Amino acid sequence: MEAHVRKSLEEWKDEICDLLKEIDKEYEEIKSELQVYSYKFSITKQVVQSTVNDEIIRNIRELYHKPFEQKFNQLKEEIRDLEEKKKVFQMFVDKIDKVKEKEDTKPFASVQ
């Protein structure tokens, strides 16, 4: 593989790796937030199940349960999207490495 091609692929790989780091950082932040909302959603669900007063149940659902459920589902969707992004960008890195490796292992053609 020619040096300028190798250099260009390395730069591209570095750029993609930087994107992957950003995605990982965002993923961890959302994962933490998802964990919080998972607890909030679960707790409000348990409280609603343990409450007999319909008016209180309605209030809890409106104030907490529904918003927590919506946020929880939104965060789960964001996690799925980020996982897909990670997978796609990792494929770029893997393909770049594979191309470079393939080119590196090619036997040198004999000069005639």
N, C-alpha and C. Protein backbone atom coordinates (compact mmCIF):
# COMPACT_ATOMS: atom_id res chain seq x y z
N MET A 1 0.85 -1.17 0.00
CA MET A 1 0.00 0.00 0.00
C MET A 1 0.90 1.23 0.00
N GLU A 2 0.53 2.17 -0.81
CA GLU A 2 1.33 3.39 -0.91
C GLU A 2 1.21 4.21 0.37
N ALA A 3 2.25 4.93 0.68
CA ALA A 3 2.34 5.68 1.94
C ALA A 3 1.21 6.69 2.09
N HIS A 4 0.88 7.41 1.00
CA HIS A 4 -0.16 8.43 1.11
C HIS A 4 -1.54 7.81 1.37
N VAL A 5 -1.77 6.62 0.82
CA VAL A 5 -3.04 5.91 1.06
C VAL A 5 -3.09 5.45 2.52
N ARG A 6 -2.00 4.86 2.98
CA ARG A 6 -1.92 4.40 4.38
C ARG A 6 -2.15 5.57 5.33
N LYS A 7 -1.48 6.70 5.05
CA LYS A 7 -1.60 7.89 5.90
C LYS A 7 -3.05 8.39 5.92
N SER A 8 -3.67 8.44 4.76
CA SER A 8 -5.05 8.90 4.66
C SER A 8 -6.00 7.98 5.43
N LEU A 9 -5.80 6.68 5.29
CA LEU A 9 -6.63 5.73 6.03
C LEU A 9 -6.43 5.85 7.54
N GLU A 10 -5.20 6.07 7.96
CA GLU A 10 -4.91 6.25 9.39
C GLU A 10 -5.60 7.50 9.93
N GLU A 11 -5.54 8.58 9.17
CA GLU A 11 -6.20 9.83 9.59
C GLU A 11 -7.71 9.63 9.68
N TRP A 12 -8.26 8.93 8.70
CA TRP A 12 -9.69 8.66 8.69
C TRP A 12 -10.07 7.79 9.88
N LYS A 13 -9.26 6.78 10.15
CA LYS A 13 -9.51 5.90 11.30
C LYS A 13 -9.45 6.70 12.61
N ASP A 14 -8.46 7.59 12.73
CA ASP A 14 -8.35 8.43 13.93
C ASP A 14 -9.60 9.29 14.11
N GLU A 15 -10.08 9.85 13.01
CA GLU A 15 -11.29 10.68 13.04
C GLU A 15 -12.49 9.85 13.51
N ILE A 16 -12.61 8.66 12.98
CA ILE A 16 -13.72 7.78 13.36
C ILE A 16 -13.58 7.35 14.83
N CYS A 17 -12.36 7.08 15.26
CA CYS A 17 -12.14 6.71 16.66
C CYS A 17 -12.52 7.85 17.60
N ASP A 18 -12.26 9.08 17.18
CA ASP A 18 -12.69 10.24 17.98
C ASP A 18 -14.21 10.28 18.08
N LEU A 19 -14.89 10.00 16.96
CA LEU A 19 -16.35 9.94 16.98
C LEU A 19 -16.83 8.83 17.91
N LEU A 20 -16.18 7.70 17.86
CA LEU A 20 -16.54 6.60 18.75
C LEU A 20 -16.38 6.97 20.22
N LYS A 21 -15.34 7.71 20.54
CA LYS A 21 -15.13 8.16 21.92
C LYS A 21 -16.27 9.08 22.35
N GLU A 22 -16.68 9.99 21.46
CA GLU A 22 -17.80 10.89 21.77
C GLU A 22 -19.08 10.10 21.97
N ILE A 23 -19.31 9.12 21.11
CA ILE A 23 -20.50 8.28 21.23
C ILE A 23 -20.46 7.51 22.54
N ASP A 24 -19.30 6.97 22.91
CA ASP A 24 -19.17 6.24 24.18
C ASP A 24 -19.46 7.15 25.37
N LYS A 25 -18.97 8.37 25.31
CA LYS A 25 -19.20 9.32 26.40
C LYS A 25 -20.70 9.62 26.52
N GLU A 26 -21.34 9.90 25.40
CA GLU A 26 -22.78 10.18 25.41
C GLU A 26 -23.56 8.95 25.88
N TYR A 27 -23.13 7.79 25.44
CA TYR A 27 -23.77 6.54 25.83
C TYR A 27 -23.73 6.37 27.35
N GLU A 28 -22.58 6.60 27.96
CA GLU A 28 -22.45 6.45 29.41
C GLU A 28 -23.31 7.46 30.16
N GLU A 29 -23.40 8.69 29.65
CA GLU A 29 -24.24 9.70 30.29
C GLU A 29 -25.71 9.30 30.23
N ILE A 30 -26.15 8.85 29.07
CA ILE A 30 -27.55 8.46 28.91
C ILE A 30 -27.83 7.19 29.71
N LYS A 31 -26.88 6.29 29.74
CA LYS A 31 -27.04 5.07 30.52
C LYS A 31 -27.25 5.39 32.00
N SER A 32 -26.50 6.35 32.51
CA SER A 32 -26.66 6.77 33.91
C SER A 32 -28.03 7.38 34.15
N GLU A 33 -28.43 8.23 33.23
CA GLU A 33 -29.75 8.86 33.35
C GLU A 33 -30.85 7.81 33.24
N LEU A 34 -30.67 6.86 32.36
CA LEU A 34 -31.64 5.78 32.20
C LEU A 34 -31.78 4.98 33.49
N GLN A 35 -30.67 4.76 34.15
CA GLN A 35 -30.70 4.03 35.42
C GLN A 35 -31.53 4.78 36.45
N VAL A 36 -31.36 6.09 36.51
CA VAL A 36 -32.13 6.91 37.45
C VAL A 36 -33.62 6.80 37.14
N TYR A 37 -33.97 6.96 35.87
CA TYR A 37 -35.39 6.91 35.50
C TYR A 37 -35.97 5.51 35.63
N SER A 38 -35.15 4.52 35.50
CA SER A 38 -35.61 3.16 35.72
C SER A 38 -36.07 2.99 37.17
N TYR A 39 -35.27 3.51 38.10
CA TYR A 39 -35.66 3.46 39.51
C TYR A 39 -36.91 4.30 39.77
N LYS A 40 -36.95 5.51 39.25
CA LYS A 40 -38.10 6.38 39.47
C LYS A 40 -39.38 5.74 38.93
N PHE A 41 -39.28 5.20 37.72
CA PHE A 41 -40.43 4.56 37.09
C PHE A 41 -40.88 3.35 37.90
N SER A 42 -39.95 2.54 38.31
CA SER A 42 -40.26 1.34 39.09
C SER A 42 -40.89 1.68 40.44
N ILE A 43 -40.33 2.67 41.10
CA ILE A 43 -40.86 3.08 42.41
C ILE A 43 -42.28 3.61 42.28
N THR A 44 -42.51 4.48 41.32
CA THR A 44 -43.87 5.03 41.16
C THR A 44 -44.86 3.93 40.79
N LYS A 45 -44.42 2.97 39.99
CA LYS A 45 -45.29 1.85 39.62
C LYS A 45 -45.68 1.05 40.86
N GLN A 46 -44.71 0.79 41.73
CA GLN A 46 -44.98 0.05 42.96
C GLN A 46 -45.91 0.82 43.88
N VAL A 47 -45.70 2.13 43.97
CA VAL A 47 -46.56 2.96 44.83
C VAL A 47 -47.99 2.95 44.30
N VAL A 48 -48.14 3.08 43.00
CA VAL A 48 -49.49 3.06 42.40
C VAL A 48 -50.17 1.72 42.69
N GLN A 49 -49.43 0.64 42.56
CA GLN A 49 -50.00 -0.69 42.82
C GLN A 49 -50.40 -0.88 44.28
N SER A 50 -49.74 -0.15 45.16
CA SER A 50 -50.02 -0.29 46.60
C SER A 50 -51.04 0.72 47.11
N THR A 51 -51.48 1.61 46.24
CA THR A 51 -52.42 2.65 46.65
C THR A 51 -53.83 2.25 46.24
N VAL A 52 -54.78 2.52 47.12
CA VAL A 52 -56.17 2.16 46.82
C VAL A 52 -57.01 3.36 46.40
N ASN A 53 -56.62 4.53 46.80
CA ASN A 53 -57.38 5.74 46.49
C ASN A 53 -57.19 6.11 45.02
N ASP A 54 -58.28 6.08 44.26
CA ASP A 54 -58.22 6.34 42.82
C ASP A 54 -57.73 7.74 42.48
N GLU A 55 -58.12 8.71 43.28
CA GLU A 55 -57.70 10.09 43.01
C GLU A 55 -56.18 10.24 43.21
N ILE A 56 -55.69 9.65 44.26
CA ILE A 56 -54.24 9.70 44.51
C ILE A 56 -53.49 8.96 43.39
N ILE A 57 -54.03 7.83 42.98
CA ILE A 57 -53.41 7.08 41.88
C ILE A 57 -53.35 7.93 40.62
N ARG A 58 -54.45 8.59 40.31
CA ARG A 58 -54.49 9.47 39.13
C ARG A 58 -53.44 10.57 39.23
N ASN A 59 -53.36 11.18 40.40
CA ASN A 59 -52.37 12.25 40.60
C ASN A 59 -50.93 11.73 40.46
N ILE A 60 -50.67 10.60 41.05
CA ILE A 60 -49.32 10.02 40.95
C ILE A 60 -48.99 9.71 39.49
N ARG A 61 -49.95 9.14 38.80
CA ARG A 61 -49.71 8.81 37.39
C ARG A 61 -49.44 10.06 36.56
N GLU A 62 -50.22 11.09 36.79
CA GLU A 62 -50.04 12.33 36.01
C GLU A 62 -48.74 13.04 36.36
N LEU A 63 -48.45 13.13 37.66
CA LEU A 63 -47.27 13.87 38.10
C LEU A 63 -45.96 13.12 37.88
N TYR A 64 -45.98 11.82 38.09
CA TYR A 64 -44.73 11.07 38.10
C TYR A 64 -44.68 9.92 37.10
N HIS A 65 -45.64 9.02 37.24
CA HIS A 65 -45.55 7.77 36.50
C HIS A 65 -45.47 7.97 34.98
N LYS A 66 -46.39 8.72 34.42
CA LYS A 66 -46.38 8.93 32.97
C LYS A 66 -45.14 9.68 32.49
N PRO A 67 -44.77 10.79 33.13
CA PRO A 67 -43.54 11.47 32.69
C PRO A 67 -42.29 10.59 32.84
N PHE A 68 -42.21 9.83 33.92
CA PHE A 68 -41.05 8.95 34.12
C PHE A 68 -41.04 7.85 33.06
N GLU A 69 -42.21 7.31 32.77
CA GLU A 69 -42.30 6.26 31.75
C GLU A 69 -41.89 6.81 30.38
N GLN A 70 -42.36 8.01 30.05
CA GLN A 70 -42.00 8.62 28.77
C GLN A 70 -40.50 8.86 28.68
N LYS A 71 -39.94 9.42 29.73
CA LYS A 71 -38.50 9.70 29.74
C LYS A 71 -37.70 8.39 29.68
N PHE A 72 -38.14 7.41 30.42
CA PHE A 72 -37.49 6.10 30.42
C PHE A 72 -37.48 5.50 29.01
N ASN A 73 -38.61 5.53 28.34
CA ASN A 73 -38.71 4.98 26.99
C ASN A 73 -37.88 5.79 25.99
N GLN A 74 -37.87 7.10 26.16
CA GLN A 74 -37.06 7.97 25.29
C GLN A 74 -35.58 7.64 25.45
N LEU A 75 -35.14 7.49 26.68
CA LEU A 75 -33.73 7.18 26.94
C LEU A 75 -33.35 5.80 26.41
N LYS A 76 -34.26 4.84 26.53
CA LYS A 76 -34.00 3.50 25.98
C LYS A 76 -33.81 3.59 24.47
N GLU A 77 -34.62 4.40 23.82
CA GLU A 77 -34.50 4.58 22.37
C GLU A 77 -33.17 5.25 22.01
N GLU A 78 -32.78 6.23 22.80
CA GLU A 78 -31.49 6.90 22.56
C GLU A 78 -30.33 5.92 22.73
N ILE A 79 -30.43 5.05 23.72
CA ILE A 79 -29.40 4.03 23.93
C ILE A 79 -29.32 3.10 22.72
N ARG A 80 -30.47 2.68 22.22
CA ARG A 80 -30.48 1.81 21.03
C ARG A 80 -29.84 2.51 19.84
N ASP A 81 -30.17 3.79 19.65
CA ASP A 81 -29.58 4.56 18.54
C ASP A 81 -28.07 4.66 18.68
N LEU A 82 -27.60 4.94 19.89
CA LEU A 82 -26.16 5.05 20.12
C LEU A 82 -25.45 3.71 19.92
N GLU A 83 -26.10 2.64 20.34
CA GLU A 83 -25.52 1.32 20.13
C GLU A 83 -25.37 1.03 18.64
N GLU A 84 -26.37 1.43 17.87
CA GLU A 84 -26.31 1.24 16.42
C GLU A 84 -25.20 2.09 15.81
N LYS A 85 -25.07 3.34 16.26
CA LYS A 85 -23.99 4.21 15.78
C LYS A 85 -22.63 3.60 16.10
N LYS A 86 -22.48 3.12 17.33
CA LYS A 86 -21.21 2.51 17.72
C LYS A 86 -20.89 1.33 16.81
N LYS A 87 -21.89 0.52 16.55
CA LYS A 87 -21.69 -0.65 15.71
C LYS A 87 -21.25 -0.25 14.30
N VAL A 88 -21.92 0.74 13.74
CA VAL A 88 -21.61 1.19 12.38
C VAL A 88 -20.21 1.78 12.30
N PHE A 89 -19.87 2.69 13.21
CA PHE A 89 -18.55 3.31 13.16
C PHE A 89 -17.44 2.31 13.48
N GLN A 90 -17.74 1.34 14.33
CA GLN A 90 -16.75 0.30 14.60
C GLN A 90 -16.50 -0.53 13.34
N MET A 91 -17.53 -0.71 12.52
CA MET A 91 -17.33 -1.42 11.25
C MET A 91 -16.34 -0.68 10.36
N PHE A 92 -16.42 0.65 10.35
CA PHE A 92 -15.45 1.44 9.58
C PHE A 92 -14.03 1.13 10.05
N VAL A 93 -13.82 1.19 11.36
CA VAL A 93 -12.50 0.94 11.92
C VAL A 93 -12.03 -0.47 11.55
N ASP A 94 -12.92 -1.45 11.72
CA ASP A 94 -12.55 -2.83 11.40
C ASP A 94 -12.20 -2.99 9.92
N LYS A 95 -12.99 -2.36 9.05
CA LYS A 95 -12.73 -2.47 7.61
C LYS A 95 -11.42 -1.79 7.22
N ILE A 96 -11.15 -0.65 7.80
CA ILE A 96 -9.89 0.04 7.53
C ILE A 96 -8.72 -0.85 7.96
N ASP A 97 -8.82 -1.42 9.15
CA ASP A 97 -7.75 -2.31 9.64
C ASP A 97 -7.59 -3.52 8.74
N LYS A 98 -8.72 -4.07 8.30
CA LYS A 98 -8.68 -5.25 7.45
C LYS A 98 -8.01 -4.94 6.11
N VAL A 99 -8.34 -3.80 5.52
CA VAL A 99 -7.74 -3.40 4.24
C VAL A 99 -6.24 -3.21 4.41
N LYS A 100 -5.86 -2.52 5.47
CA LYS A 100 -4.42 -2.29 5.71
C LYS A 100 -3.69 -3.61 5.93
N GLU A 101 -4.29 -4.49 6.71
CA GLU A 101 -3.67 -5.78 6.99
C GLU A 101 -3.53 -6.60 5.71
N LYS A 102 -4.58 -6.59 4.91
CA LYS A 102 -4.58 -7.33 3.65
C LYS A 102 -3.47 -6.82 2.74
N GLU A 103 -3.35 -5.51 2.67
CA GLU A 103 -2.31 -4.90 1.83
C GLU A 103 -0.91 -5.19 2.37
N ASP A 104 -0.79 -5.23 3.69
CA ASP A 104 0.51 -5.49 4.30
C ASP A 104 0.99 -6.92 4.08
N THR A 105 0.05 -7.84 3.98
CA THR A 105 0.43 -9.25 3.85
C THR A 105 0.55 -9.70 2.40
N LYS A 106 0.23 -8.82 1.46
CA LYS A 106 0.39 -9.17 0.05
C LYS A 106 1.86 -9.42 -0.24
N PRO A 107 2.15 -10.51 -0.95
CA PRO A 107 3.56 -10.74 -1.30
C PRO A 107 4.00 -9.71 -2.34
N PHE A 108 5.24 -9.35 -2.25
CA PHE A 108 5.77 -8.39 -3.22
C PHE A 108 5.86 -9.05 -4.58
N ALA A 109 5.42 -8.33 -5.59
CA ALA A 109 5.51 -8.86 -6.96
C ALA A 109 6.96 -8.79 -7.42
N SER A 110 7.36 -9.79 -8.11
CA SER A 110 8.74 -9.78 -8.58
C SER A 110 8.88 -8.81 -9.74
N VAL A 111 9.96 -8.11 -9.76
CA VAL A 111 10.22 -7.12 -10.80
C VAL A 111 10.94 -7.81 -11.94
N GLN A 112 10.45 -7.63 -13.13
CA GLN A 112 11.08 -8.28 -14.29
C GLN A 112 11.74 -7.30 -15.18
